Amino acid sequence: MRCLPPMTAFLVVAVLMHAEVRGQDSSAPPPEMKVLEKLAGTWKVLNINKPSKWAPDESRTNSTDKGAVILGRRFLERRGFDDEGNLIHTSTYTYDTEKKAYLWWFYVSDGAFGEFIGTWIADRQTLIFRPRSESRLTGVTTIHFLDEKTFDWSIIAKDADGEIGFHMEGNAVRQK
């Protein structure tokens, strides 16, 4: 009998323990993932930096974001590219059945990163994310689906004094 390499064996055990601990059926993703699947595809995104403490001048940029459902349809990964094709940000989303909440992690090429917990407001077709409670920041991020091909979004981050440190908003239009 052939043995698995130690790292592979560790990962297999970790995945099996995670599914058992969470009490999830490992064969199907939670139905709440349908909301996140709306972000799959290729999007042309307008990004508007509003004047704030950390970015005092308004600016506008465009990016192309590509979203894909991955890992058994339990996660959604999004990657944003500038006009030259450089990767400028990446995000991972999922739904945690234990917390009954959406989770979102993002990483930006300038070194910024964040971890958020969110809810879905079905009658408004809006995801609302707030920083994890252990974060030193407060604020809110919204993703409002206007239809299957368009969504508006906004990020407002406040520092420990409650001052708006960062404010960015925009619009995304599905390309594919």
N, C-alpha and C. Protein backbone atom coordinates (compact mmCIF):
# COMPACT_ATOMS: atom_id res chain seq x y z
N MET A 1 0.84 -1.17 0.00
CA MET A 1 0.00 0.00 0.00
C MET A 1 0.89 1.23 0.00
N ARG A 2 0.53 2.21 -0.81
CA ARG A 2 1.30 3.44 -0.94
C ARG A 2 0.78 4.47 0.06
N CYS A 3 1.69 5.14 0.77
CA CYS A 3 1.32 6.15 1.75
C CYS A 3 1.30 7.54 1.12
N LEU A 4 0.43 8.39 1.64
CA LEU A 4 0.37 9.79 1.20
C LEU A 4 1.54 10.56 1.79
N PRO A 5 2.07 11.55 1.05
CA PRO A 5 3.09 12.42 1.64
C PRO A 5 2.51 13.10 2.89
N PRO A 6 3.36 13.43 3.88
CA PRO A 6 2.86 13.99 5.14
C PRO A 6 1.97 15.22 4.97
N MET A 7 2.32 16.16 4.11
CA MET A 7 1.52 17.37 3.95
C MET A 7 0.16 17.05 3.35
N THR A 8 0.13 16.15 2.36
CA THR A 8 -1.13 15.75 1.74
C THR A 8 -2.03 15.07 2.77
N ALA A 9 -1.44 14.17 3.55
CA ALA A 9 -2.22 13.48 4.60
C ALA A 9 -2.78 14.47 5.59
N PHE A 10 -1.98 15.45 6.00
CA PHE A 10 -2.44 16.48 6.93
C PHE A 10 -3.63 17.24 6.36
N LEU A 11 -3.54 17.65 5.09
CA LEU A 11 -4.62 18.40 4.46
C LEU A 11 -5.90 17.58 4.36
N VAL A 12 -5.78 16.31 4.02
CA VAL A 12 -6.96 15.44 3.93
C VAL A 12 -7.62 15.32 5.30
N VAL A 13 -6.84 15.09 6.34
CA VAL A 13 -7.39 14.99 7.70
C VAL A 13 -8.04 16.31 8.11
N ALA A 14 -7.38 17.43 7.83
CA ALA A 14 -7.92 18.74 8.20
C ALA A 14 -9.27 18.99 7.52
N VAL A 15 -9.37 18.66 6.25
CA VAL A 15 -10.63 18.87 5.52
C VAL A 15 -11.72 17.98 6.09
N LEU A 16 -11.42 16.72 6.33
CA LEU A 16 -12.43 15.82 6.89
C LEU A 16 -12.87 16.24 8.28
N MET A 17 -11.93 16.66 9.12
CA MET A 17 -12.28 17.12 10.47
C MET A 17 -13.12 18.39 10.39
N HIS A 18 -12.78 19.30 9.49
CA HIS A 18 -13.52 20.55 9.36
C HIS A 18 -14.98 20.25 8.99
N ALA A 19 -15.18 19.38 8.01
CA ALA A 19 -16.55 19.07 7.58
C ALA A 19 -17.33 18.42 8.71
N GLU A 20 -16.68 17.53 9.47
CA GLU A 20 -17.37 16.86 10.57
C GLU A 20 -17.69 17.84 11.69
N VAL A 21 -16.73 18.70 12.03
CA VAL A 21 -16.94 19.67 13.10
C VAL A 21 -18.08 20.62 12.73
N ARG A 22 -18.11 21.06 11.50
CA ARG A 22 -19.15 22.00 11.06
C ARG A 22 -20.48 21.30 10.83
N GLY A 23 -20.48 19.98 10.76
CA GLY A 23 -21.72 19.27 10.53
C GLY A 23 -22.27 19.48 9.14
N GLN A 24 -21.40 19.78 8.19
CA GLN A 24 -21.85 20.05 6.84
C GLN A 24 -21.84 18.79 6.01
N ASP A 25 -22.77 18.73 5.10
CA ASP A 25 -22.76 17.69 4.09
C ASP A 25 -21.64 18.04 3.13
N SER A 26 -20.62 17.22 3.06
CA SER A 26 -19.45 17.56 2.24
C SER A 26 -19.73 17.43 0.74
N SER A 27 -20.90 16.94 0.36
CA SER A 27 -21.18 16.77 -1.06
C SER A 27 -21.81 17.99 -1.72
N ALA A 28 -22.35 18.91 -0.94
CA ALA A 28 -23.05 20.05 -1.54
C ALA A 28 -22.71 21.34 -0.81
N PRO A 29 -22.51 22.42 -1.56
CA PRO A 29 -22.27 23.72 -0.91
C PRO A 29 -23.57 24.23 -0.29
N PRO A 30 -23.46 25.12 0.69
CA PRO A 30 -24.69 25.67 1.27
C PRO A 30 -25.45 26.49 0.22
N PRO A 31 -26.78 26.52 0.29
CA PRO A 31 -27.56 27.26 -0.71
C PRO A 31 -27.25 28.76 -0.72
N GLU A 32 -26.73 29.29 0.38
CA GLU A 32 -26.38 30.71 0.45
C GLU A 32 -25.26 31.09 -0.53
N MET A 33 -24.53 30.11 -1.03
CA MET A 33 -23.48 30.39 -2.00
C MET A 33 -24.05 30.94 -3.31
N LYS A 34 -25.34 30.70 -3.57
CA LYS A 34 -25.97 31.25 -4.79
C LYS A 34 -25.82 32.77 -4.84
N VAL A 35 -25.89 33.42 -3.68
CA VAL A 35 -25.73 34.88 -3.63
C VAL A 35 -24.34 35.27 -4.12
N LEU A 36 -23.31 34.57 -3.62
CA LEU A 36 -21.94 34.89 -4.01
C LEU A 36 -21.66 34.55 -5.47
N GLU A 37 -22.35 33.55 -6.00
CA GLU A 37 -22.16 33.17 -7.39
C GLU A 37 -22.54 34.31 -8.34
N LYS A 38 -23.31 35.27 -7.86
CA LYS A 38 -23.66 36.44 -8.67
C LYS A 38 -22.40 37.23 -9.05
N LEU A 39 -21.32 37.10 -8.25
CA LEU A 39 -20.08 37.83 -8.49
C LEU A 39 -19.15 37.11 -9.47
N ALA A 40 -19.52 35.90 -9.90
CA ALA A 40 -18.69 35.16 -10.85
C ALA A 40 -18.75 35.84 -12.21
N GLY A 41 -17.73 35.61 -13.00
CA GLY A 41 -17.68 36.17 -14.35
C GLY A 41 -16.65 37.27 -14.46
N THR A 42 -16.65 37.94 -15.60
CA THR A 42 -15.72 39.03 -15.86
C THR A 42 -16.48 40.34 -15.82
N TRP A 43 -15.94 41.30 -15.07
CA TRP A 43 -16.61 42.58 -14.83
C TRP A 43 -15.68 43.73 -15.17
N LYS A 44 -16.21 44.75 -15.81
CA LYS A 44 -15.50 46.02 -16.00
C LYS A 44 -15.93 46.90 -14.83
N VAL A 45 -14.95 47.37 -14.05
CA VAL A 45 -15.25 48.07 -12.79
C VAL A 45 -14.71 49.49 -12.84
N LEU A 46 -15.57 50.42 -12.47
CA LEU A 46 -15.17 51.81 -12.27
C LEU A 46 -14.93 51.97 -10.78
N ASN A 47 -13.75 52.47 -10.41
CA ASN A 47 -13.36 52.68 -9.01
C ASN A 47 -13.19 54.17 -8.78
N ILE A 48 -13.92 54.72 -7.82
CA ILE A 48 -13.83 56.14 -7.51
C ILE A 48 -13.35 56.30 -6.08
N ASN A 49 -12.12 56.79 -5.92
CA ASN A 49 -11.61 57.13 -4.59
C ASN A 49 -12.17 58.49 -4.21
N LYS A 50 -12.96 58.53 -3.15
CA LYS A 50 -13.51 59.79 -2.66
C LYS A 50 -12.49 60.41 -1.70
N PRO A 51 -12.43 61.74 -1.61
CA PRO A 51 -11.49 62.37 -0.68
C PRO A 51 -11.70 61.88 0.75
N SER A 52 -10.61 61.49 1.40
CA SER A 52 -10.65 60.97 2.76
C SER A 52 -9.29 61.21 3.42
N LYS A 53 -9.20 60.82 4.67
CA LYS A 53 -7.97 61.03 5.45
C LYS A 53 -6.75 60.36 4.80
N TRP A 54 -6.92 59.12 4.35
CA TRP A 54 -5.78 58.37 3.80
C TRP A 54 -5.58 58.60 2.31
N ALA A 55 -6.59 59.13 1.64
CA ALA A 55 -6.49 59.42 0.20
C ALA A 55 -7.21 60.74 -0.05
N PRO A 56 -6.52 61.88 0.19
CA PRO A 56 -7.19 63.18 0.18
C PRO A 56 -7.71 63.65 -1.18
N ASP A 57 -7.20 63.09 -2.27
CA ASP A 57 -7.63 63.54 -3.60
C ASP A 57 -8.53 62.51 -4.26
N GLU A 58 -9.59 63.02 -4.89
CA GLU A 58 -10.46 62.10 -5.63
C GLU A 58 -9.73 61.61 -6.86
N SER A 59 -9.93 60.32 -7.16
CA SER A 59 -9.36 59.75 -8.38
C SER A 59 -10.30 58.68 -8.91
N ARG A 60 -10.15 58.40 -10.19
CA ARG A 60 -10.95 57.37 -10.85
C ARG A 60 -10.02 56.44 -11.61
N THR A 61 -10.29 55.17 -11.46
CA THR A 61 -9.54 54.17 -12.21
C THR A 61 -10.53 53.11 -12.69
N ASN A 62 -10.08 52.33 -13.64
CA ASN A 62 -10.86 51.19 -14.12
C ASN A 62 -10.08 49.93 -13.82
N SER A 63 -10.81 48.86 -13.62
CA SER A 63 -10.17 47.56 -13.48
C SER A 63 -11.06 46.52 -14.12
N THR A 64 -10.48 45.37 -14.36
CA THR A 64 -11.23 44.22 -14.83
C THR A 64 -11.16 43.19 -13.72
N ASP A 65 -12.31 42.81 -13.19
CA ASP A 65 -12.37 41.81 -12.12
C ASP A 65 -12.90 40.51 -12.69
N LYS A 66 -12.25 39.42 -12.28
CA LYS A 66 -12.67 38.09 -12.73
C LYS A 66 -13.00 37.26 -11.51
N GLY A 67 -14.24 36.76 -11.48
CA GLY A 67 -14.69 35.96 -10.35
C GLY A 67 -14.95 34.53 -10.78
N ALA A 68 -14.57 33.58 -9.92
CA ALA A 68 -14.79 32.16 -10.22
C ALA A 68 -15.17 31.42 -8.95
N VAL A 69 -16.12 30.53 -9.11
CA VAL A 69 -16.51 29.63 -8.02
C VAL A 69 -15.47 28.53 -7.98
N ILE A 70 -14.93 28.26 -6.77
CA ILE A 70 -13.83 27.29 -6.65
C ILE A 70 -14.10 26.33 -5.49
N LEU A 71 -13.27 25.31 -5.40
CA LEU A 71 -13.25 24.36 -4.29
C LEU A 71 -14.63 23.80 -3.96
N GLY A 72 -15.18 23.11 -4.94
CA GLY A 72 -16.47 22.45 -4.73
C GLY A 72 -17.63 23.41 -4.58
N ARG A 73 -17.53 24.59 -5.18
CA ARG A 73 -18.56 25.63 -5.13
C ARG A 73 -18.78 26.14 -3.71
N ARG A 74 -17.78 26.01 -2.86
CA ARG A 74 -17.89 26.51 -1.48
C ARG A 74 -17.23 27.88 -1.29
N PHE A 75 -16.49 28.33 -2.29
CA PHE A 75 -15.81 29.63 -2.22
C PHE A 75 -15.95 30.34 -3.56
N LEU A 76 -15.85 31.64 -3.50
CA LEU A 76 -15.79 32.45 -4.71
C LEU A 76 -14.50 33.27 -4.62
N GLU A 77 -13.70 33.21 -5.66
CA GLU A 77 -12.46 33.98 -5.71
C GLU A 77 -12.61 35.06 -6.77
N ARG A 78 -12.20 36.28 -6.41
CA ARG A 78 -12.21 37.39 -7.38
C ARG A 78 -10.80 37.97 -7.46
N ARG A 79 -10.40 38.30 -8.67
CA ARG A 79 -9.11 38.93 -8.90
C ARG A 79 -9.33 40.17 -9.76
N GLY A 80 -8.68 41.27 -9.37
CA GLY A 80 -8.80 42.52 -10.11
C GLY A 80 -7.50 42.87 -10.79
N PHE A 81 -7.61 43.33 -12.04
CA PHE A 81 -6.45 43.65 -12.86
C PHE A 81 -6.55 45.08 -13.37
N ASP A 82 -5.42 45.80 -13.38
CA ASP A 82 -5.41 47.15 -13.94
C ASP A 82 -5.39 47.07 -15.47
N ASP A 83 -5.35 48.23 -16.13
CA ASP A 83 -5.41 48.27 -17.59
C ASP A 83 -4.21 47.60 -18.27
N GLU A 84 -3.09 47.47 -17.54
CA GLU A 84 -1.91 46.80 -18.10
C GLU A 84 -1.92 45.29 -17.81
N GLY A 85 -2.95 44.81 -17.15
CA GLY A 85 -3.06 43.39 -16.85
C GLY A 85 -2.38 42.96 -15.56
N ASN A 86 -1.93 43.92 -14.74
CA ASN A 86 -1.29 43.60 -13.47
C ASN A 86 -2.35 43.27 -12.42
N LEU A 87 -2.10 42.22 -11.65
CA LEU A 87 -2.99 41.85 -10.55
C LEU A 87 -2.89 42.93 -9.48
N ILE A 88 -4.02 43.56 -9.11
CA ILE A 88 -4.00 44.63 -8.11
C ILE A 88 -4.75 44.27 -6.83
N HIS A 89 -5.63 43.29 -6.89
CA HIS A 89 -6.29 42.83 -5.66
C HIS A 89 -6.87 41.43 -5.87
N THR A 90 -7.05 40.75 -4.78
CA THR A 90 -7.70 39.44 -4.81
C THR A 90 -8.60 39.33 -3.58
N SER A 91 -9.69 38.62 -3.74
CA SER A 91 -10.65 38.43 -2.66
C SER A 91 -11.14 37.00 -2.65
N THR A 92 -11.50 36.52 -1.48
CA THR A 92 -12.13 35.21 -1.34
C THR A 92 -13.38 35.41 -0.49
N TYR A 93 -14.47 34.81 -0.93
CA TYR A 93 -15.76 34.88 -0.24
C TYR A 93 -16.26 33.47 0.05
N THR A 94 -17.03 33.32 1.11
CA THR A 94 -17.71 32.06 1.39
C THR A 94 -18.89 32.33 2.31
N TYR A 95 -19.65 31.28 2.58
CA TYR A 95 -20.72 31.36 3.57
C TYR A 95 -20.40 30.38 4.67
N ASP A 96 -20.40 30.84 5.91
CA ASP A 96 -20.11 30.01 7.08
C ASP A 96 -21.45 29.58 7.68
N THR A 97 -21.75 28.28 7.56
CA THR A 97 -23.03 27.78 8.05
C THR A 97 -23.12 27.80 9.58
N GLU A 98 -21.99 27.73 10.25
CA GLU A 98 -22.00 27.78 11.71
C GLU A 98 -22.31 29.20 12.21
N LYS A 99 -21.68 30.19 11.61
CA LYS A 99 -21.90 31.58 12.01
C LYS A 99 -23.14 32.17 11.34
N LYS A 100 -23.64 31.48 10.32
CA LYS A 100 -24.76 31.98 9.53
C LYS A 100 -24.44 33.38 9.00
N ALA A 101 -23.26 33.46 8.38
CA ALA A 101 -22.78 34.75 7.88
C ALA A 101 -21.87 34.53 6.68
N TYR A 102 -21.82 35.55 5.84
CA TYR A 102 -20.88 35.56 4.73
C TYR A 102 -19.53 36.05 5.24
N LEU A 103 -18.46 35.48 4.72
CA LEU A 103 -17.11 35.88 5.08
C LEU A 103 -16.39 36.35 3.83
N TRP A 104 -15.55 37.36 4.00
CA TRP A 104 -14.82 37.94 2.86
C TRP A 104 -13.43 38.34 3.34
N TRP A 105 -12.43 37.94 2.58
CA TRP A 105 -11.05 38.34 2.82
C TRP A 105 -10.55 39.03 1.56
N PHE A 106 -9.82 40.15 1.71
CA PHE A 106 -9.26 40.79 0.53
C PHE A 106 -7.80 41.15 0.79
N TYR A 107 -7.07 41.23 -0.32
CA TYR A 107 -5.65 41.55 -0.30
C TYR A 107 -5.37 42.47 -1.49
N VAL A 108 -4.63 43.55 -1.26
CA VAL A 108 -4.36 44.55 -2.29
C VAL A 108 -2.86 44.62 -2.51
N SER A 109 -2.47 44.94 -3.74
CA SER A 109 -1.05 44.95 -4.11
C SER A 109 -0.23 45.97 -3.31
N ASP A 110 -0.88 46.96 -2.69
CA ASP A 110 -0.13 47.94 -1.88
C ASP A 110 0.11 47.44 -0.45
N GLY A 111 -0.33 46.21 -0.16
CA GLY A 111 -0.13 45.63 1.16
C GLY A 111 -1.35 45.68 2.06
N ALA A 112 -2.39 46.39 1.66
CA ALA A 112 -3.62 46.43 2.48
C ALA A 112 -4.31 45.07 2.43
N PHE A 113 -4.98 44.73 3.51
CA PHE A 113 -5.76 43.50 3.55
C PHE A 113 -6.85 43.66 4.60
N GLY A 114 -7.84 42.81 4.52
CA GLY A 114 -8.93 42.89 5.48
C GLY A 114 -9.71 41.60 5.55
N GLU A 115 -10.46 41.48 6.63
CA GLU A 115 -11.29 40.32 6.89
C GLU A 115 -12.64 40.84 7.37
N PHE A 116 -13.72 40.40 6.71
CA PHE A 116 -15.04 40.95 6.96
C PHE A 116 -16.08 39.86 7.17
N ILE A 117 -17.15 40.22 7.84
CA ILE A 117 -18.28 39.32 8.06
C ILE A 117 -19.53 40.04 7.55
N GLY A 118 -20.40 39.31 6.86
CA GLY A 118 -21.50 40.00 6.21
C GLY A 118 -22.84 39.29 6.26
N THR A 119 -23.84 40.03 5.80
CA THR A 119 -25.20 39.52 5.72
C THR A 119 -25.77 39.84 4.34
N TRP A 120 -26.79 39.11 3.97
CA TRP A 120 -27.50 39.30 2.71
C TRP A 120 -28.87 39.87 3.02
N ILE A 121 -29.20 40.99 2.42
CA ILE A 121 -30.51 41.61 2.57
C ILE A 121 -31.25 41.34 1.25
N ALA A 122 -32.03 40.28 1.21
CA ALA A 122 -32.64 39.81 -0.03
C ALA A 122 -33.55 40.85 -0.68
N ASP A 123 -34.38 41.52 0.11
CA ASP A 123 -35.32 42.46 -0.51
C ASP A 123 -34.62 43.69 -1.09
N ARG A 124 -33.38 43.94 -0.69
CA ARG A 124 -32.60 45.05 -1.26
C ARG A 124 -31.52 44.54 -2.22
N GLN A 125 -31.41 43.21 -2.38
CA GLN A 125 -30.38 42.61 -3.23
C GLN A 125 -29.00 43.16 -2.89
N THR A 126 -28.70 43.20 -1.58
CA THR A 126 -27.48 43.83 -1.10
C THR A 126 -26.75 42.97 -0.09
N LEU A 127 -25.45 42.81 -0.31
CA LEU A 127 -24.55 42.23 0.68
C LEU A 127 -23.97 43.37 1.50
N ILE A 128 -23.94 43.21 2.81
CA ILE A 128 -23.36 44.23 3.70
C ILE A 128 -22.29 43.55 4.54
N PHE A 129 -21.07 44.06 4.44
CA PHE A 129 -19.94 43.51 5.19
C PHE A 129 -19.40 44.55 6.16
N ARG A 130 -18.99 44.06 7.32
CA ARG A 130 -18.35 44.91 8.34
C ARG A 130 -17.04 44.22 8.75
N PRO A 131 -16.05 45.00 9.17
CA PRO A 131 -14.79 44.38 9.61
C PRO A 131 -15.04 43.41 10.77
N ARG A 132 -14.22 42.36 10.82
CA ARG A 132 -14.32 41.42 11.95
C ARG A 132 -14.15 42.19 13.24
N SER A 133 -14.75 41.75 14.30
CA SER A 133 -14.78 42.50 15.56
C SER A 133 -13.40 42.79 16.12
N GLU A 134 -12.41 41.98 15.80
CA GLU A 134 -11.07 42.22 16.34
C GLU A 134 -10.30 43.27 15.54
N SER A 135 -10.91 43.80 14.48
CA SER A 135 -10.25 44.82 13.67
C SER A 135 -10.20 46.15 14.40
N ARG A 136 -9.16 46.93 14.13
CA ARG A 136 -9.05 48.27 14.72
C ARG A 136 -9.87 49.28 13.92
N LEU A 137 -10.38 48.86 12.78
CA LEU A 137 -11.19 49.73 11.94
C LEU A 137 -12.67 49.42 12.09
N THR A 138 -13.49 50.41 11.78
CA THR A 138 -14.92 50.18 11.65
C THR A 138 -15.30 50.62 10.25
N GLY A 139 -16.51 50.39 9.89
CA GLY A 139 -16.96 50.82 8.58
C GLY A 139 -17.90 49.82 7.98
N VAL A 140 -18.18 50.01 6.71
CA VAL A 140 -19.12 49.13 6.02
C VAL A 140 -18.76 49.05 4.54
N THR A 141 -18.95 47.88 3.98
CA THR A 141 -18.82 47.66 2.55
C THR A 141 -20.15 47.11 2.06
N THR A 142 -20.67 47.68 0.98
CA THR A 142 -21.92 47.18 0.42
C THR A 142 -21.70 46.79 -1.04
N ILE A 143 -22.41 45.75 -1.44
CA ILE A 143 -22.48 45.33 -2.83
C ILE A 143 -23.97 45.23 -3.14
N HIS A 144 -24.43 46.13 -3.98
CA HIS A 144 -25.86 46.21 -4.32
C HIS A 144 -26.07 45.78 -5.76
N PHE A 145 -26.74 44.65 -5.95
CA PHE A 145 -26.99 44.13 -7.28
C PHE A 145 -28.19 44.86 -7.89
N LEU A 146 -27.95 45.54 -9.00
CA LEU A 146 -29.03 46.26 -9.69
C LEU A 146 -29.79 45.31 -10.61
N ASP A 147 -29.07 44.37 -11.21
CA ASP A 147 -29.63 43.32 -12.04
C ASP A 147 -28.53 42.27 -12.23
N GLU A 148 -28.73 41.33 -13.14
CA GLU A 148 -27.75 40.25 -13.34
C GLU A 148 -26.44 40.75 -13.96
N LYS A 149 -26.46 41.94 -14.55
CA LYS A 149 -25.29 42.43 -15.26
C LYS A 149 -24.64 43.64 -14.61
N THR A 150 -25.17 44.12 -13.49
CA THR A 150 -24.66 45.36 -12.91
C THR A 150 -24.76 45.33 -11.39
N PHE A 151 -23.71 45.83 -10.73
CA PHE A 151 -23.81 46.09 -9.30
C PHE A 151 -23.03 47.35 -8.94
N ASP A 152 -23.51 48.04 -7.93
CA ASP A 152 -22.81 49.18 -7.34
C ASP A 152 -22.17 48.70 -6.06
N TRP A 153 -21.09 49.34 -5.67
CA TRP A 153 -20.42 48.96 -4.43
C TRP A 153 -19.85 50.19 -3.75
N SER A 154 -19.60 50.05 -2.45
CA SER A 154 -19.04 51.13 -1.67
C SER A 154 -18.24 50.55 -0.51
N ILE A 155 -17.11 51.18 -0.21
CA ILE A 155 -16.29 50.82 0.94
C ILE A 155 -16.04 52.10 1.74
N ILE A 156 -16.41 52.09 3.00
CA ILE A 156 -16.10 53.20 3.90
C ILE A 156 -15.41 52.61 5.12
N ALA A 157 -14.17 53.04 5.38
CA ALA A 157 -13.41 52.58 6.54
C ALA A 157 -13.16 53.77 7.45
N LYS A 158 -13.44 53.57 8.73
CA LYS A 158 -13.21 54.62 9.72
C LYS A 158 -12.10 54.20 10.67
N ASP A 159 -11.31 55.18 11.10
CA ASP A 159 -10.23 54.88 12.04
C ASP A 159 -10.77 54.81 13.47
N ALA A 160 -9.88 54.65 14.43
CA ALA A 160 -10.27 54.49 15.84
C ALA A 160 -11.01 55.71 16.38
N ASP A 161 -10.80 56.89 15.77
CA ASP A 161 -11.49 58.11 16.20
C ASP A 161 -12.82 58.31 15.49
N GLY A 162 -13.20 57.38 14.61
CA GLY A 162 -14.45 57.49 13.88
C GLY A 162 -14.36 58.35 12.64
N GLU A 163 -13.15 58.80 12.28
CA GLU A 163 -12.97 59.62 11.09
C GLU A 163 -12.86 58.72 9.86
N ILE A 164 -13.48 59.15 8.76
CA ILE A 164 -13.40 58.36 7.53
C ILE A 164 -11.97 58.39 7.01
N GLY A 165 -11.34 57.25 7.07
CA GLY A 165 -9.96 57.13 6.59
C GLY A 165 -9.91 56.80 5.12
N PHE A 166 -10.92 56.06 4.63
CA PHE A 166 -10.92 55.63 3.24
C PHE A 166 -12.35 55.51 2.77
N HIS A 167 -12.61 56.02 1.56
CA HIS A 167 -13.95 55.94 0.97
C HIS A 167 -13.78 55.70 -0.52
N MET A 168 -14.24 54.55 -0.97
CA MET A 168 -14.17 54.22 -2.38
C MET A 168 -15.52 53.65 -2.78
N GLU A 169 -15.96 53.97 -3.98
CA GLU A 169 -17.21 53.40 -4.47
C GLU A 169 -17.09 53.23 -5.96
N GLY A 170 -18.05 52.55 -6.53
CA GLY A 170 -18.00 52.34 -7.97
C GLY A 170 -19.14 51.53 -8.48
N ASN A 171 -18.95 51.07 -9.71
CA ASN A 171 -19.97 50.35 -10.44
C ASN A 171 -19.28 49.25 -11.23
N ALA A 172 -19.93 48.11 -11.35
CA ALA A 172 -19.37 47.01 -12.11
C ALA A 172 -20.39 46.54 -13.14
N VAL A 173 -19.92 46.29 -14.37
CA VAL A 173 -20.78 45.82 -15.45
C VAL A 173 -20.21 44.50 -15.97
N ARG A 174 -21.07 43.50 -16.02
CA ARG A 174 -20.64 42.17 -16.46
C ARG A 174 -20.23 42.21 -17.93
N GLN A 175 -19.08 41.60 -18.23
CA GLN A 175 -18.59 41.46 -19.59
C GLN A 175 -18.88 40.07 -20.14
N LYS A 176 -18.73 39.06 -19.28
CA LYS A 176 -19.01 37.65 -19.64
C LYS A 176 -19.54 36.93 -18.44
